[in-house]
Amino acid sequence: MIAVVFARLIFVILCTLGTVCTVCTAWDLDKEHPPTGELGVRLDYHLARTWPTPLAKKGKQIPRTFMWSSHLTFEKDVSALEPSDLWQIAYDAYAEMEINRALYKVTGPKSTPRAMTVLAVGKEIFLASSMRGGSNFAFAYPKTKVSTSLNNAKRLSTRMGAQVQQGIKIKQAVAR
């Protein structure tokens, strides 16, 4: 009897903590924050507030789409940068994104980008995180040659990923 009461009490405490943690980790998109570092990495504020639907004033919110980026322009061509330099820029940009992400209280694995991409072309460097959160807008546009290609690539990637996973399972079973 005491064990059952104790188990129920633990369950209620865990549920309460889970609710409090969920409330504490909700994102805050009330105001736009400036970049915090030298690379100028910032949240795509418009995307976060409008995609997949405009942010509601009150009430329950649907998951938002989050992406951070920056665009740098230099006086000299950036093609002389070594791959290690680009890697360091990506690493530093990700660190800046983490600071900016905290300002918006964006937390959790479904909202946290896993990658920062660097593109160095001419006198410019483009930085962009992976997109996380709500739906990906790249697959929601009207039918065009580009959207059709993206959808085909997505389907192929999903199919190939499933085949690779199946192959790994077969190899593991054979190895036993």
C-alpha atoms as a PDB file:
ATOM      1  CA  MET A   1       0.000   0.000   0.000  1.00  0.00           C
ATOM      2  CA  ILE A   2       2.745   2.469   0.951  1.00  0.00           C
ATOM      3  CA  ALA A   3       4.708   1.515  -2.176  1.00  0.00           C
ATOM      4  CA  VAL A   4       1.690   2.275  -4.405  1.00  0.00           C
ATOM      5  CA  VAL A   5       1.105   5.665  -2.753  1.00  0.00           C
ATOM      6  CA  PHE A   6       4.812   6.466  -3.003  1.00  0.00           C
ATOM      7  CA  ALA A   7       4.881   5.488  -6.705  1.00  0.00           C
ATOM      8  CA  ARG A   8       1.841   7.691  -7.418  1.00  0.00           C
ATOM      9  CA  LEU A   9       3.443  10.601  -5.555  1.00  0.00           C
ATOM     10  CA  ILE A  10       6.637  10.228  -7.601  1.00  0.00           C
ATOM     11  CA  PHE A  11       4.548  10.103 -10.791  1.00  0.00           C
ATOM     12  CA  VAL A  12       2.688  13.329  -9.860  1.00  0.00           C
ATOM     13  CA  ILE A  13       5.980  15.075  -9.014  1.00  0.00           C
ATOM     14  CA  LEU A  14       7.554  14.003 -12.320  1.00  0.00           C
ATOM     15  CA  CYS A  15       4.488  15.134 -14.294  1.00  0.00           C
ATOM     16  CA  THR A  16       4.544  18.495 -12.516  1.00  0.00           C
ATOM     17  CA  LEU A  17       8.258  18.932 -13.204  1.00  0.00           C
ATOM     18  CA  GLY A  18       7.727  18.001 -16.828  1.00  0.00           C
ATOM     19  CA  THR A  19       4.997  20.643 -17.156  1.00  0.00           C
ATOM     20  CA  VAL A  20       7.115  23.291 -15.455  1.00  0.00           C
ATOM     21  CA  CYS A  21      10.128  22.435 -17.641  1.00  0.00           C
ATOM     22  CA  THR A  22       7.983  22.637 -20.762  1.00  0.00           C
ATOM     23  CA  VAL A  23       6.727  26.086 -19.737  1.00  0.00           C
ATOM     24  CA  CYS A  24      10.259  27.224 -18.836  1.00  0.00           C
ATOM     25  CA  THR A  25      11.735  26.133 -22.175  1.00  0.00           C
ATOM     26  CA  ALA A  26       9.133  27.769 -24.448  1.00  0.00           C
ATOM     27  CA  TRP A  27      10.704  30.037 -27.030  1.00  0.00           C
ATOM     28  CA  ASP A  28      10.362  33.804 -26.791  1.00  0.00           C
ATOM     29  CA  LEU A  29       9.885  35.608 -30.100  1.00  0.00           C
ATOM     30  CA  ASP A  30       8.434  38.828 -28.683  1.00  0.00           C
ATOM     31  CA  LYS A  31      11.399  40.957 -29.777  1.00  0.00           C
ATOM     32  CA  GLU A  32      14.246  40.586 -32.250  1.00  0.00           C
ATOM     33  CA  HIS A  33      17.738  40.374 -30.756  1.00  0.00           C
ATOM     34  CA  PRO A  34      20.865  41.654 -32.525  1.00  0.00           C
ATOM     35  CA  PRO A  35      23.755  39.299 -33.316  1.00  0.00           C
ATOM     36  CA  THR A  36      26.048  38.686 -30.356  1.00  0.00           C
ATOM     37  CA  GLY A  37      29.365  37.975 -32.079  1.00  0.00           C
ATOM     38  CA  GLU A  38      31.804  39.138 -34.722  1.00  0.00           C
ATOM     39  CA  LEU A  39      30.364  36.877 -37.410  1.00  0.00           C
ATOM     40  CA  GLY A  40      26.904  38.413 -37.071  1.00  0.00           C
ATOM     41  CA  VAL A  41      25.004  35.126 -36.813  1.00  0.00           C
ATOM     42  CA  ARG A  42      21.346  35.802 -36.112  1.00  0.00           C
ATOM     43  CA  LEU A  43      17.992  34.073 -36.078  1.00  0.00           C
ATOM     44  CA  ASP A  44      15.946  34.419 -39.256  1.00  0.00           C
ATOM     45  CA  TYR A  45      13.360  36.259 -37.188  1.00  0.00           C
ATOM     46  CA  HIS A  46      10.811  36.637 -39.978  1.00  0.00           C
ATOM     47  CA  LEU A  47      10.912  32.898 -40.725  1.00  0.00           C
ATOM     48  CA  ALA A  48      10.541  31.995 -37.030  1.00  0.00           C
ATOM     49  CA  ARG A  49       7.525  34.277 -36.618  1.00  0.00           C
ATOM     50  CA  THR A  50       5.727  33.438 -39.879  1.00  0.00           C
ATOM     51  CA  TRP A  51       6.447  29.828 -40.834  1.00  0.00           C
ATOM     52  CA  PRO A  52       4.545  27.542 -41.111  1.00  0.00           C
ATOM     53  CA  THR A  53       1.825  30.029 -40.074  1.00  0.00           C
ATOM     54  CA  PRO A  54       2.022  33.511 -38.563  1.00  0.00           C
ATOM     55  CA  LEU A  55       2.666  33.562 -34.832  1.00  0.00           C
ATOM     56  CA  ALA A  56      -0.597  33.791 -32.878  1.00  0.00           C
ATOM     57  CA  LYS A  57      -1.021  36.658 -30.408  1.00  0.00           C
ATOM     58  CA  LYS A  58      -2.483  34.373 -27.729  1.00  0.00           C
ATOM     59  CA  GLY A  59      -3.241  30.739 -27.152  1.00  0.00           C
ATOM     60  CA  LYS A  60      -1.551  27.543 -28.163  1.00  0.00           C
ATOM     61  CA  GLN A  61       1.319  27.887 -30.639  1.00  0.00           C
ATOM     62  CA  ILE A  62       2.334  25.427 -33.302  1.00  0.00           C
ATOM     63  CA  PRO A  63       6.021  24.471 -33.635  1.00  0.00           C
ATOM     64  CA  ARG A  64       8.097  27.225 -35.213  1.00  0.00           C
ATOM     65  CA  THR A  65      10.816  26.863 -37.849  1.00  0.00           C
ATOM     66  CA  PHE A  66      14.263  28.040 -36.719  1.00  0.00           C
ATOM     67  CA  MET A  67      17.346  28.855 -38.797  1.00  0.00           C
ATOM     68  CA  TRP A  68      20.363  31.091 -38.104  1.00  0.00           C
ATOM     69  CA  SER A  69      22.537  32.732 -40.736  1.00  0.00           C
ATOM     70  CA  SER A  70      24.968  35.500 -41.623  1.00  0.00           C
ATOM     71  CA  HIS A  71      26.498  37.103 -44.708  1.00  0.00           C
ATOM     72  CA  LEU A  72      30.007  38.548 -44.559  1.00  0.00           C
ATOM     73  CA  THR A  73      31.690  40.703 -47.213  1.00  0.00           C
ATOM     74  CA  PHE A  74      35.454  41.235 -47.452  1.00  0.00           C
ATOM     75  CA  GLU A  75      37.766  43.526 -49.412  1.00  0.00           C
ATOM     76  CA  LYS A  76      39.863  40.585 -50.661  1.00  0.00           C
ATOM     77  CA  ASP A  77      38.935  37.293 -52.269  1.00  0.00           C
ATOM     78  CA  VAL A  78      38.274  34.567 -49.697  1.00  0.00           C
ATOM     79  CA  SER A  79      39.352  31.699 -51.972  1.00  0.00           C
ATOM     80  CA  ALA A  80      42.786  31.695 -50.282  1.00  0.00           C
ATOM     81  CA  LEU A  81      41.236  30.505 -47.017  1.00  0.00           C
ATOM     82  CA  GLU A  82      42.309  27.021 -45.978  1.00  0.00           C
ATOM     83  CA  PRO A  83      39.698  24.355 -45.226  1.00  0.00           C
ATOM     84  CA  SER A  84      40.773  24.528 -41.573  1.00  0.00           C
ATOM     85  CA  ASP A  85      39.967  28.276 -41.581  1.00  0.00           C
ATOM     86  CA  LEU A  86      36.485  27.575 -42.950  1.00  0.00           C
ATOM     87  CA  TRP A  87      35.987  24.837 -40.366  1.00  0.00           C
ATOM     88  CA  GLN A  88      36.940  27.283 -37.599  1.00  0.00           C
ATOM     89  CA  ILE A  89      34.542  29.886 -38.991  1.00  0.00           C
ATOM     90  CA  ALA A  90      31.739  27.295 -38.982  1.00  0.00           C
ATOM     91  CA  TYR A  91      32.631  26.289 -35.424  1.00  0.00           C
ATOM     92  CA  ASP A  92      32.647  29.913 -34.230  1.00  0.00           C
ATOM     93  CA  ALA A  93      29.395  30.625 -36.083  1.00  0.00           C
ATOM     94  CA  TYR A  94      27.732  27.656 -34.366  1.00  0.00           C
ATOM     95  CA  ALA A  95      28.920  28.995 -30.985  1.00  0.00           C
ATOM     96  CA  GLU A  96      27.419  32.411 -31.831  1.00  0.00           C
ATOM     97  CA  MET A  97      24.183  30.705 -32.824  1.00  0.00           C
ATOM     98  CA  GLU A  98      24.064  28.947 -29.458  1.00  0.00           C
ATOM     99  CA  ILE A  99      24.305  32.298 -27.641  1.00  0.00           C
ATOM    100  CA  ASN A 100      21.655  33.865 -29.882  1.00  0.00           C
ATOM    101  CA  ARG A 101      19.458  30.775 -29.469  1.00  0.00           C
ATOM    102  CA  ALA A 102      19.549  31.229 -25.691  1.00  0.00           C
ATOM    103  CA  LEU A 103      18.287  34.818 -26.050  1.00  0.00           C
ATOM    104  CA  TYR A 104      15.163  33.468 -27.763  1.00  0.00           C
ATOM    105  CA  LYS A 105      14.894  30.578 -25.280  1.00  0.00           C
ATOM    106  CA  VAL A 106      14.916  28.085 -28.146  1.00  0.00           C
ATOM    107  CA  THR A 107      15.753  24.731 -26.574  1.00  0.00           C
ATOM    108  CA  GLY A 108      15.311  21.056 -27.201  1.00  0.00           C
ATOM    109  CA  PRO A 109      16.602  18.709 -29.881  1.00  0.00           C
ATOM    110  CA  LYS A 110      13.731  19.370 -32.295  1.00  0.00           C
ATOM    111  CA  SER A 111      14.485  23.103 -32.309  1.00  0.00           C
ATOM    112  CA  THR A 112      18.281  22.978 -32.179  1.00  0.00           C
ATOM    113  CA  PRO A 113      20.129  22.999 -35.510  1.00  0.00           C
ATOM    114  CA  ARG A 114      22.721  20.265 -35.833  1.00  0.00           C
ATOM    115  CA  ALA A 115      24.952  21.915 -38.420  1.00  0.00           C
ATOM    116  CA  MET A 116      26.415  25.218 -39.571  1.00  0.00           C
ATOM    117  CA  THR A 117      27.345  25.472 -43.248  1.00  0.00           C
ATOM    118  CA  VAL A 118      29.971  27.810 -44.717  1.00  0.00           C
ATOM    119  CA  LEU A 119      30.047  28.903 -48.340  1.00  0.00           C
ATOM    120  CA  ALA A 120      33.019  31.068 -49.384  1.00  0.00           C
ATOM    121  CA  VAL A 121      32.636  32.658 -52.822  1.00  0.00           C
ATOM    122  CA  GLY A 122      34.551  35.618 -54.230  1.00  0.00           C
ATOM    123  CA  LYS A 123      34.686  38.251 -51.501  1.00  0.00           C
ATOM    124  CA  GLU A 124      31.778  36.806 -49.521  1.00  0.00           C
ATOM    125  CA  ILE A 125      31.151  34.170 -46.884  1.00  0.00           C
ATOM    126  CA  PHE A 126      27.657  32.840 -46.290  1.00  0.00           C
ATOM    127  CA  LEU A 127      26.854  31.046 -43.030  1.00  0.00           C
ATOM    128  CA  ALA A 128      23.646  29.084 -42.442  1.00  0.00           C
ATOM    129  CA  SER A 129      22.492  26.584 -39.867  1.00  0.00           C
ATOM    130  CA  SER A 130      20.346  23.593 -40.649  1.00  0.00           C
ATOM    131  CA  MET A 131      16.632  24.295 -40.360  1.00  0.00           C
ATOM    132  CA  ARG A 132      14.828  22.899 -37.310  1.00  0.00           C
ATOM    133  CA  GLY A 133      11.405  22.991 -35.732  1.00  0.00           C
ATOM    134  CA  GLY A 134       8.235  23.139 -37.797  1.00  0.00           C
ATOM    135  CA  SER A 135       7.887  22.095 -41.392  1.00  0.00           C
ATOM    136  CA  ASN A 136      10.561  22.780 -43.978  1.00  0.00           C
ATOM    137  CA  PHE A 137       9.368  25.477 -46.365  1.00  0.00           C
ATOM    138  CA  ALA A 138      11.475  24.169 -49.261  1.00  0.00           C
ATOM    139  CA  PHE A 139       8.944  21.375 -49.851  1.00  0.00           C
ATOM    140  CA  ALA A 140       5.825  23.544 -49.484  1.00  0.00           C
ATOM    141  CA  TYR A 141       6.135  25.794 -52.526  1.00  0.00           C
ATOM    142  CA  PRO A 142       3.995  25.411 -55.663  1.00  0.00           C
ATOM    143  CA  LYS A 143       5.068  22.846 -58.246  1.00  0.00           C
ATOM    144  CA  THR A 144       8.112  24.023 -60.166  1.00  0.00           C
ATOM    145  CA  LYS A 145      11.044  22.156 -61.667  1.00  0.00           C
ATOM    146  CA  VAL A 146      13.051  22.974 -58.544  1.00  0.00           C
ATOM    147  CA  SER A 147      10.365  21.874 -56.057  1.00  0.00           C
ATOM    148  CA  THR A 148       9.828  18.659 -58.039  1.00  0.00           C
ATOM    149  CA  SER A 149      13.583  17.955 -57.951  1.00  0.00           C
ATOM    150  CA  LEU A 150      13.699  18.645 -54.210  1.00  0.00           C
ATOM    151  CA  ASN A 151      10.762  16.320 -53.550  1.00  0.00           C
ATOM    152  CA  ASN A 152      12.334  13.592 -55.703  1.00  0.00           C
ATOM    153  CA  ALA A 153      15.640  13.973 -53.860  1.00  0.00           C
ATOM    154  CA  LYS A 154      13.846  13.799 -50.509  1.00  0.00           C
ATOM    155  CA  ARG A 155      11.986  10.611 -51.499  1.00  0.00           C
ATOM    156  CA  LEU A 156      15.152   9.018 -52.874  1.00  0.00           C
ATOM    157  CA  SER A 157      17.124   9.955 -49.772  1.00  0.00           C
ATOM    158  CA  THR A 158      14.438   8.483 -47.521  1.00  0.00           C
ATOM    159  CA  ARG A 159      14.303   5.284 -49.580  1.00  0.00           C
ATOM    160  CA  MET A 160      18.088   4.950 -49.686  1.00  0.00           C
ATOM    161  CA  GLY A 161      18.332   5.626 -45.954  1.00  0.00           C
ATOM    162  CA  ALA A 162      15.837   2.839 -45.266  1.00  0.00           C
ATOM    163  CA  GLN A 163      17.780   0.488 -47.548  1.00  0.00           C
ATOM    164  CA  VAL A 164      21.070   1.339 -45.820  1.00  0.00           C
ATOM    165  CA  GLN A 165      19.478   0.726 -42.404  1.00  0.00           C
ATOM    166  CA  GLN A 166      18.060  -2.594 -43.642  1.00  0.00           C
ATOM    167  CA  GLY A 167      21.511  -3.581 -44.985  1.00  0.00           C
ATOM    168  CA  ILE A 168      23.105  -2.773 -41.610  1.00  0.00           C
ATOM    169  CA  LYS A 169      20.516  -4.923 -39.808  1.00  0.00           C
ATOM    170  CA  ILE A 170      21.143  -7.833 -42.219  1.00  0.00           C
ATOM    171  CA  LYS A 171      24.921  -7.587 -41.761  1.00  0.00           C
ATOM    172  CA  GLN A 172      24.499  -7.525 -37.974  1.00  0.00           C
ATOM    173  CA  ALA A 173      22.224 -10.577 -38.073  1.00  0.00           C
ATOM    174  CA  VAL A 174      24.668 -12.475 -40.308  1.00  0.00           C
ATOM    175  CA  ALA A 175      27.608 -11.541 -38.066  1.00  0.00           C
ATOM    176  CA  ARG A 176      25.890 -13.133 -35.057  1.00  0.00           C
END
